[in-house]
Amino acid sequence: MEKETTQELNEAAMQIILHSGDGRNLINEAIRMTLADVSDEKVAAKMKEAKAEIVKAHRIQTEMIQTTIEDDDLQSTLLFSHAQDTLMTIYSELNMTHHLIDMYRKVALMIKDK
């Protein structure tokens, strides 16, 4: 296995942050679509896109964690820790947004039925 450098770890961290941020943007777009009463299918597709970005970020994170475990000389960096925190936060946002969208749809249906 080829040894990774701190620079490569930081570059991976930036990719994690970028994919996570793209996921957050897609989540926000799904929320806006929900509030605009866009179809459930289109909102679900947007959330699927968001999850795909989160999965990309998670795969990079997992690969780099494995690398740091196998290479005693490579230490994690502050930027990598920040990237992990960003990923975890946005993954939580993804999960919460699923619930919020479901709640919004139920409340909207209750209001419509009155």
Protein backbone atom coordinates (compact mmCIF):
# COMPACT_ATOMS: atom_id res chain seq x y z
CA MET A 1 0.00 0.00 0.00
CA GLU A 2 1.32 3.43 -0.94
CA LYS A 3 1.91 5.79 1.98
CA GLU A 4 -0.28 8.86 2.17
CA THR A 5 1.11 12.25 3.05
CA THR A 6 -0.36 14.92 5.29
CA GLN A 7 -1.04 16.97 2.17
CA GLU A 8 -3.03 14.10 0.66
CA LEU A 9 -4.95 13.73 3.91
CA ASN A 10 -5.79 17.43 3.81
CA GLU A 11 -6.80 17.18 0.14
CA ALA A 12 -9.12 14.30 1.06
CA ALA A 13 -10.50 16.45 3.88
CA MET A 14 -11.33 19.19 1.40
CA GLN A 15 -13.13 16.66 -0.81
CA ILE A 16 -15.15 15.52 2.22
CA ILE A 17 -16.07 19.13 2.98
CA LEU A 18 -16.99 19.84 -0.65
CA HIS A 19 -19.20 16.75 -1.06
CA SER A 20 -20.81 17.38 2.32
CA GLY A 21 -21.49 20.99 1.38
CA ASP A 22 -22.99 19.92 -1.93
CA GLY A 23 -25.20 17.55 0.05
CA ARG A 24 -26.30 20.39 2.33
CA ASN A 25 -27.15 22.57 -0.67
CA LEU A 26 -29.28 19.78 -2.11
CA ILE A 27 -31.01 19.28 1.26
CA ASN A 28 -31.84 22.98 1.40
CA GLU A 29 -33.15 22.81 -2.14
CA ALA A 30 -35.39 19.88 -1.16
CA ILE A 31 -36.75 21.91 1.75
CA ARG A 32 -37.50 24.86 -0.54
CA MET A 33 -39.18 22.50 -3.00
CA THR A 34 -41.29 21.04 -0.20
CA LEU A 35 -42.42 24.48 0.92
CA ALA A 36 -43.31 25.28 -2.70
CA ASP A 37 -45.46 22.12 -2.79
CA VAL A 38 -43.35 20.45 -5.46
CA SER A 39 -44.27 16.79 -5.96
CA ASP A 40 -43.13 14.18 -3.48
CA GLU A 41 -41.25 12.38 -6.26
CA LYS A 42 -39.16 15.42 -7.16
CA VAL A 43 -38.39 16.17 -3.52
CA ALA A 44 -37.42 12.52 -2.94
CA ALA A 45 -35.13 12.66 -5.98
CA LYS A 46 -33.43 15.76 -4.59
CA MET A 47 -32.96 14.06 -1.22
CA LYS A 48 -31.52 11.03 -3.03
CA GLU A 49 -28.99 13.32 -4.73
CA ALA A 50 -28.11 14.79 -1.34
CA LYS A 51 -27.56 11.35 0.14
CA ALA A 52 -25.34 10.40 -2.80
CA GLU A 53 -23.07 13.36 -2.01
CA ILE A 54 -22.95 12.36 1.65
CA VAL A 55 -22.06 8.80 0.66
CA LYS A 56 -19.18 10.08 -1.51
CA ALA A 57 -17.86 12.08 1.43
CA HIS A 58 -18.27 9.13 3.78
CA ARG A 59 -16.34 6.81 1.46
CA ILE A 60 -13.42 9.25 1.34
CA GLN A 61 -13.49 9.57 5.12
CA THR A 62 -13.53 5.79 5.61
CA GLU A 63 -10.61 5.32 3.22
CA MET A 64 -8.53 7.96 4.97
CA ILE A 65 -9.34 6.63 8.44
CA GLN A 66 -8.21 3.19 7.31
CA THR A 67 -5.01 4.74 5.95
CA THR A 68 -4.23 6.51 9.22
CA ILE A 69 -4.82 3.27 11.12
CA GLU A 70 -2.43 1.34 8.87
CA ASP A 71 0.25 4.06 8.81
CA ASP A 72 1.66 4.85 12.25
CA ASP A 73 3.56 7.83 10.84
CA LEU A 74 0.50 9.61 9.44
CA GLN A 75 -1.36 11.64 12.02
CA SER A 76 -4.81 13.11 11.57
CA THR A 77 -4.94 16.86 10.99
CA LEU A 78 -7.17 19.61 12.29
CA LEU A 79 -8.60 20.01 8.79
CA PHE A 80 -9.49 16.31 8.64
CA SER A 81 -11.20 16.57 12.03
CA HIS A 82 -13.14 19.58 10.74
CA ALA A 83 -14.14 17.59 7.64
CA GLN A 84 -15.40 14.72 9.79
CA ASP A 85 -17.39 17.14 11.93
CA THR A 86 -18.88 18.76 8.82
CA LEU A 87 -19.84 15.39 7.38
CA MET A 88 -21.44 14.23 10.62
CA THR A 89 -23.41 17.46 10.99
CA ILE A 90 -24.75 17.39 7.44
CA TYR A 91 -25.57 13.69 7.68
CA SER A 92 -27.67 14.55 10.74
CA GLU A 93 -29.32 17.34 8.76
CA LEU A 94 -30.18 14.83 6.03
CA ASN A 95 -31.84 12.52 8.55
CA MET A 96 -33.76 15.34 10.23
CA THR A 97 -34.87 16.77 6.89
CA HIS A 98 -36.47 13.44 5.96
CA HIS A 99 -38.55 13.66 9.14
CA LEU A 100 -39.36 17.33 8.68
CA ILE A 101 -40.57 16.79 5.13
CA ASP A 102 -42.78 13.91 6.28
CA MET A 103 -44.21 16.09 9.05
CA TYR A 104 -44.79 18.99 6.67
CA ARG A 105 -46.67 16.74 4.24
CA LYS A 106 -48.85 15.34 7.05
CA VAL A 107 -49.68 18.78 8.43
CA ALA A 108 -50.42 20.09 4.95
CA LEU A 109 -52.75 17.16 4.33
CA MET A 110 -54.52 17.74 7.66
CA ILE A 111 -55.04 21.41 6.81
CA LYS A 112 -56.28 20.55 3.34
CA ASP A 113 -58.78 18.01 4.72
CA LYS A 114 -60.41 20.56 7.06
